[in-house]
C-alpha atoms as a PDB file:
ATOM      1  CA  MET A   1       8.584 -14.535   4.986  1.00  0.00           C
ATOM      2  CA  LEU A   2       7.694 -13.682   1.574  1.00  0.00           C
ATOM      3  CA  ILE A   3      11.045 -11.648   0.752  1.00  0.00           C
ATOM      4  CA  LYS A   4      12.757 -14.662   2.039  1.00  0.00           C
ATOM      5  CA  GLN A   5      11.145 -16.929  -0.868  1.00  0.00           C
ATOM      6  CA  PHE A   6      11.920 -14.098  -3.370  1.00  0.00           C
ATOM      7  CA  GLY A   7      15.233 -13.541  -2.787  1.00  0.00           C
ATOM      8  CA  GLN A   8      16.093 -17.492  -2.836  1.00  0.00           C
ATOM      9  CA  ALA A   9      14.035 -17.223  -5.878  1.00  0.00           C
ATOM     10  CA  ILE A  10      15.989 -14.769  -7.120  1.00  0.00           C
ATOM     11  CA  LYS A  11      19.152 -15.735  -6.200  1.00  0.00           C
ATOM     12  CA  LYS A  12      18.919 -19.433  -7.611  1.00  0.00           C
ATOM     13  CA  ARG A  13      17.728 -18.119 -10.978  1.00  0.00           C
ATOM     14  CA  ARG A  14      20.752 -16.084 -11.433  1.00  0.00           C
ATOM     15  CA  LYS A  15      23.172 -18.514 -10.641  1.00  0.00           C
ATOM     16  CA  ASP A  16      21.047 -21.264 -12.660  1.00  0.00           C
ATOM     17  CA  LEU A  17      21.704 -18.552 -15.888  1.00  0.00           C
ATOM     18  CA  GLY A  18      25.310 -17.962 -15.116  1.00  0.00           C
ATOM     19  CA  ILE A  19      24.808 -13.917 -13.875  1.00  0.00           C
ATOM     20  CA  THR A  20      26.642 -12.356 -11.570  1.00  0.00           C
ATOM     21  CA  GLN A  21      25.173  -9.439  -8.876  1.00  0.00           C
ATOM     22  CA  PRO A  22      26.329  -6.668 -10.667  1.00  0.00           C
ATOM     23  CA  ILE A  23      25.395  -7.682 -14.295  1.00  0.00           C
ATOM     24  CA  LEU A  24      21.918  -8.371 -13.438  1.00  0.00           C
ATOM     25  CA  ALA A  25      21.621  -5.155 -11.803  1.00  0.00           C
ATOM     26  CA  GLU A  26      22.721  -3.802 -14.861  1.00  0.00           C
ATOM     27  CA  LEU A  27      20.585  -5.760 -17.213  1.00  0.00           C
ATOM     28  CA  ALA A  28      17.223  -5.021 -14.910  1.00  0.00           C
ATOM     29  CA  ASP A  29      18.312  -1.431 -14.323  1.00  0.00           C
ATOM     30  CA  VAL A  30      18.248  -1.568 -10.378  1.00  0.00           C
ATOM     31  CA  SER A  31      21.062  -0.734  -8.264  1.00  0.00           C
ATOM     32  CA  ILE A  32      23.656  -3.333  -6.958  1.00  0.00           C
ATOM     33  CA  ASN A  33      22.722  -2.331  -3.162  1.00  0.00           C
ATOM     34  CA  THR A  34      18.864  -2.777  -3.970  1.00  0.00           C
ATOM     35  CA  LEU A  35      19.995  -6.625  -5.372  1.00  0.00           C
ATOM     36  CA  TYR A  36      21.951  -7.227  -2.487  1.00  0.00           C
ATOM     37  CA  LYS A  37      19.770  -7.063   0.159  1.00  0.00           C
ATOM     38  CA  LEU A  38      17.408  -8.794  -1.610  1.00  0.00           C
ATOM     39  CA  GLU A  39      19.097 -12.090  -1.890  1.00  0.00           C
ATOM     40  CA  ARG A  40      19.624 -11.474   1.493  1.00  0.00           C
ATOM     41  CA  ALA A  41      15.843 -10.810   2.444  1.00  0.00           C
ATOM     42  CA  GLN A  42      16.872  -7.526   3.935  1.00  0.00           C
ATOM     43  CA  GLY A  43      15.322  -5.391   1.315  1.00  0.00           C
ATOM     44  CA  ASN A  44      11.673  -4.478   0.757  1.00  0.00           C
ATOM     45  CA  PRO A  45      11.208  -4.294  -3.155  1.00  0.00           C
ATOM     46  CA  SER A  46       8.918  -2.285  -4.856  1.00  0.00           C
ATOM     47  CA  LEU A  47       6.300  -3.973  -7.593  1.00  0.00           C
ATOM     48  CA  VAL A  48       8.460  -1.987 -10.126  1.00  0.00           C
ATOM     49  CA  ILE A  49      11.813  -3.745  -9.059  1.00  0.00           C
ATOM     50  CA  ILE A  50      10.148  -6.939  -8.595  1.00  0.00           C
ATOM     51  CA  GLU A  51       8.788  -6.526 -12.132  1.00  0.00           C
ATOM     52  CA  LYS A  52      12.231  -5.511 -13.661  1.00  0.00           C
ATOM     53  CA  LEU A  53      14.046  -8.499 -12.130  1.00  0.00           C
ATOM     54  CA  VAL A  54      11.404 -11.207 -12.931  1.00  0.00           C
ATOM     55  CA  SER A  55      11.220  -9.654 -16.582  1.00  0.00           C
ATOM     56  CA  VAL A  56      14.941 -10.151 -16.906  1.00  0.00           C
ATOM     57  CA  LEU A  57      15.320 -13.677 -15.580  1.00  0.00           C
ATOM     58  CA  GLY A  58      12.464 -14.914 -16.933  1.00  0.00           C
ATOM     59  CA  ILE A  59      10.528 -16.034 -13.744  1.00  0.00           C
ATOM     60  CA  GLU A  60       6.882 -15.732 -13.028  1.00  0.00           C
ATOM     61  CA  ILE A  61       5.099 -14.461  -9.710  1.00  0.00           C
ATOM     62  CA  ILE A  62       1.891 -14.978  -8.573  1.00  0.00           C
ATOM     63  CA  LEU A  63       0.332 -12.811  -6.339  1.00  0.00           C
ATOM     64  CA  GLU A  64      -2.765 -13.695  -3.738  1.00  0.00           C
ATOM     65  CA  VAL A  65      -4.774 -11.512  -2.159  1.00  0.00           C
ATOM     66  CA  LYS A  66      -6.222 -12.740   1.047  1.00  0.00           C
ATOM     67  CA  ALA A  67      -9.689 -11.169   2.136  1.00  0.00           C
ATOM     68  CA  ASN A  68     -10.009 -11.111   5.918  1.00  0.00           C
ATOM     69  CA  ILE A  69     -13.548 -10.720   6.391  1.00  0.00           C
ATOM     70  CA  LYS A  70     -15.069 -10.624  10.400  1.00  0.00           C
ATOM     71  CA  LYS A  71     -18.528 -11.125  11.013  1.00  0.00           C
END
């Protein structure tokens, strides 16, 4: 589910800025195929890829770490 939300957020922001997928891929220095897959929730991006995209798009992501402690 997280990848789907991320892909939707990237796509929405990209469209809001009027940037095409090829231009965003070039600006973020990621492959066009990676971007296609992410926007369709088919990819598994590394943190480096995520950082590149959010940096170019001017968006922020928040990661929450949840502990599952059994007693």
